[in-house]
């Protein structure tokens, strides 16, 4: 009976540690996703600014 109780305690502890690791991995994935989204926003902003610069240069060249 005592062996069964110890085995259950060990299994419960293993489940808890596995669950904690999964939570940590999910947190890392969320942080990576946020970083990726931030980089994508920065790139879109940069591309928008570049396109506005080209438009401005083109407009300047076209004026008589």
N, C-alpha and C. Protein backbone atom coordinates (compact mmCIF):
# COMPACT_ATOMS: atom_id res chain seq x y z
N UNK A 1 0.82 -1.19 0.00
CA UNK A 1 0.00 0.00 0.00
C UNK A 1 0.87 1.26 0.00
N UNK A 2 1.93 1.23 0.80
CA UNK A 2 2.82 2.38 0.89
C UNK A 2 3.51 2.64 -0.44
N UNK A 3 3.89 1.54 -1.14
CA UNK A 3 4.55 1.69 -2.43
C UNK A 3 3.63 2.34 -3.45
N UNK A 4 2.37 1.96 -3.44
CA UNK A 4 1.40 2.55 -4.36
C UNK A 4 1.22 4.04 -4.11
N UNK A 5 1.20 4.42 -2.85
CA UNK A 5 1.05 5.84 -2.49
C UNK A 5 2.26 6.64 -2.96
N UNK A 6 3.43 6.11 -2.77
CA UNK A 6 4.66 6.78 -3.22
C UNK A 6 4.69 6.90 -4.74
N UNK A 7 4.25 5.84 -5.42
CA UNK A 7 4.24 5.85 -6.88
C UNK A 7 3.29 6.95 -7.38
N UNK A 8 2.12 7.06 -6.75
CA UNK A 8 1.16 8.11 -7.14
C UNK A 8 1.74 9.49 -6.90
N UNK A 9 2.42 9.66 -5.78
CA UNK A 9 3.05 10.96 -5.48
C UNK A 9 4.09 11.30 -6.53
N UNK A 10 4.86 10.29 -6.93
CA UNK A 10 5.89 10.51 -7.96
C UNK A 10 5.24 10.89 -9.29
N UNK A 11 4.17 10.20 -9.65
CA UNK A 11 3.48 10.49 -10.91
C UNK A 11 2.86 11.88 -10.90
N UNK A 12 2.28 12.25 -9.78
CA UNK A 12 1.69 13.59 -9.66
C UNK A 12 2.78 14.65 -9.79
N UNK A 13 3.91 14.45 -9.15
CA UNK A 13 5.02 15.40 -9.25
C UNK A 13 5.52 15.50 -10.69
N UNK A 14 5.60 14.37 -11.38
CA UNK A 14 6.04 14.36 -12.76
C UNK A 14 5.05 15.13 -13.65
N UNK A 15 3.77 14.92 -13.42
CA UNK A 15 2.75 15.67 -14.17
C UNK A 15 2.87 17.17 -13.93
N UNK A 16 3.07 17.55 -12.69
CA UNK A 16 3.20 18.97 -12.36
C UNK A 16 4.42 19.60 -13.05
N UNK A 17 5.53 18.89 -13.03
CA UNK A 17 6.73 19.44 -13.65
C UNK A 17 6.58 19.51 -15.17
N UNK A 18 5.94 18.49 -15.76
CA UNK A 18 5.70 18.51 -17.21
C UNK A 18 4.78 19.66 -17.58
N UNK A 19 3.75 19.87 -16.79
CA UNK A 19 2.81 20.96 -17.05
C UNK A 19 3.52 22.31 -16.94
N UNK A 20 4.39 22.46 -15.97
CA UNK A 20 5.14 23.71 -15.80
C UNK A 20 6.04 23.96 -17.01
N UNK A 21 6.67 22.90 -17.52
CA UNK A 21 7.52 23.05 -18.70
C UNK A 21 6.70 23.46 -19.92
N UNK A 22 5.52 22.86 -20.07
CA UNK A 22 4.65 23.22 -21.19
C UNK A 22 4.23 24.68 -21.09
N UNK A 23 3.89 25.13 -19.90
CA UNK A 23 3.52 26.54 -19.70
C UNK A 23 4.67 27.46 -20.09
N UNK A 24 5.88 27.09 -19.69
CA UNK A 24 7.05 27.91 -20.01
C UNK A 24 7.28 27.94 -21.52
N UNK A 25 7.11 26.81 -22.19
CA UNK A 25 7.29 26.76 -23.64
C UNK A 25 6.24 27.62 -24.34
N UNK A 26 5.01 27.56 -23.86
CA UNK A 26 3.95 28.38 -24.45
C UNK A 26 4.24 29.86 -24.26
N UNK A 27 4.77 30.23 -23.12
CA UNK A 27 5.12 31.62 -22.86
C UNK A 27 6.21 32.08 -23.82
N UNK A 28 7.20 31.25 -24.05
CA UNK A 28 8.28 31.58 -24.99
C UNK A 28 7.71 31.76 -26.39
N UNK A 29 6.81 30.87 -26.79
CA UNK A 29 6.20 30.97 -28.12
C UNK A 29 5.40 32.26 -28.25
N UNK A 30 4.67 32.64 -27.20
CA UNK A 30 3.91 33.91 -27.23
C UNK A 30 4.85 35.10 -27.38
N UNK A 31 5.96 35.07 -26.66
CA UNK A 31 6.93 36.16 -26.74
C UNK A 31 7.55 36.23 -28.13
N UNK A 32 7.86 35.08 -28.71
CA UNK A 32 8.42 35.05 -30.06
C UNK A 32 7.41 35.60 -31.07
N UNK A 33 6.16 35.25 -30.90
CA UNK A 33 5.11 35.73 -31.80
C UNK A 33 4.99 37.26 -31.70
N UNK A 34 5.01 37.78 -30.48
CA UNK A 34 4.93 39.22 -30.29
C UNK A 34 6.13 39.93 -30.94
N UNK A 35 7.30 39.36 -30.80
CA UNK A 35 8.49 39.94 -31.41
C UNK A 35 8.39 39.93 -32.92
N UNK A 36 7.89 38.83 -33.47
CA UNK A 36 7.71 38.73 -34.92
C UNK A 36 6.72 39.76 -35.42
N UNK A 37 5.61 39.90 -34.72
CA UNK A 37 4.60 40.90 -35.12
C UNK A 37 5.16 42.32 -35.04
N UNK A 38 5.95 42.59 -34.02
CA UNK A 38 6.56 43.92 -33.90
C UNK A 38 7.52 44.19 -35.06
N UNK A 39 8.31 43.19 -35.42
CA UNK A 39 9.23 43.36 -36.55
C UNK A 39 8.47 43.55 -37.87
N UNK A 40 7.37 42.84 -38.03
CA UNK A 40 6.56 43.01 -39.23
C UNK A 40 5.97 44.42 -39.31
N UNK A 41 5.50 44.94 -38.18
CA UNK A 41 4.97 46.31 -38.15
C UNK A 41 6.06 47.32 -38.49
N UNK A 42 7.25 47.12 -37.94
CA UNK A 42 8.36 48.02 -38.23
C UNK A 42 8.71 47.98 -39.71
N UNK A 43 8.71 46.81 -40.29
CA UNK A 43 9.04 46.69 -41.71
C UNK A 43 7.99 47.39 -42.57
N UNK A 44 6.71 47.18 -42.25
CA UNK A 44 5.65 47.85 -43.03
C UNK A 44 5.77 49.36 -42.92
N UNK A 45 6.07 49.87 -41.74
CA UNK A 45 6.24 51.31 -41.55
C UNK A 45 7.42 51.82 -42.38
N UNK A 46 8.53 51.08 -42.35
CA UNK A 46 9.71 51.47 -43.12
C UNK A 46 9.39 51.48 -44.61
N UNK A 47 8.71 50.43 -45.09
CA UNK A 47 8.37 50.36 -46.51
C UNK A 47 7.43 51.50 -46.90
N UNK A 48 6.53 51.85 -46.02
CA UNK A 48 5.62 52.96 -46.28
C UNK A 48 6.41 54.27 -46.39
N UNK A 49 7.33 54.48 -45.49
CA UNK A 49 8.14 55.71 -45.52
C UNK A 49 8.99 55.78 -46.79
N UNK A 50 9.54 54.64 -47.19
CA UNK A 50 10.35 54.61 -48.42
C UNK A 50 9.47 54.94 -49.62
N UNK A 51 8.29 54.37 -49.68
CA UNK A 51 7.41 54.64 -50.82
C UNK A 51 7.00 56.12 -50.85
N UNK A 52 6.77 56.70 -49.69
CA UNK A 52 6.45 58.14 -49.65
C UNK A 52 7.64 58.97 -50.13
N UNK A 53 8.84 58.54 -49.80
CA UNK A 53 10.03 59.26 -50.25
C UNK A 53 10.15 59.19 -51.77
N UNK A 54 9.89 58.03 -52.34
CA UNK A 54 9.94 57.89 -53.80
C UNK A 54 8.89 58.77 -54.46
N UNK A 55 7.72 58.79 -53.90
CA UNK A 55 6.65 59.64 -54.45
C UNK A 55 7.07 61.10 -54.41
N UNK A 56 7.65 61.52 -53.30
CA UNK A 56 8.08 62.91 -53.16
C UNK A 56 9.16 63.24 -54.19
N UNK A 57 10.13 62.36 -54.35
CA UNK A 57 11.20 62.59 -55.33
C UNK A 57 10.61 62.64 -56.73
N UNK A 58 9.72 61.73 -57.05
CA UNK A 58 9.10 61.71 -58.38
C UNK A 58 8.32 62.99 -58.63
N UNK A 59 7.55 63.42 -57.63
CA UNK A 59 6.78 64.66 -57.77
C UNK A 59 7.70 65.86 -57.97
N UNK A 60 8.82 65.88 -57.26
CA UNK A 60 9.77 66.97 -57.37
C UNK A 60 10.39 67.01 -58.77
N UNK A 61 10.71 65.86 -59.30
CA UNK A 61 11.31 65.78 -60.63
C UNK A 61 10.31 66.21 -61.70
N UNK A 62 9.05 65.90 -61.53
CA UNK A 62 8.04 66.17 -62.53
C UNK A 62 7.64 67.65 -62.61
N UNK A 63 7.92 68.42 -61.58
CA UNK A 63 7.52 69.83 -61.58
C UNK A 63 8.41 70.60 -62.56
N UNK A 64 7.76 71.48 -63.35
CA UNK A 64 8.56 72.25 -64.33
C UNK A 64 9.39 73.34 -63.70
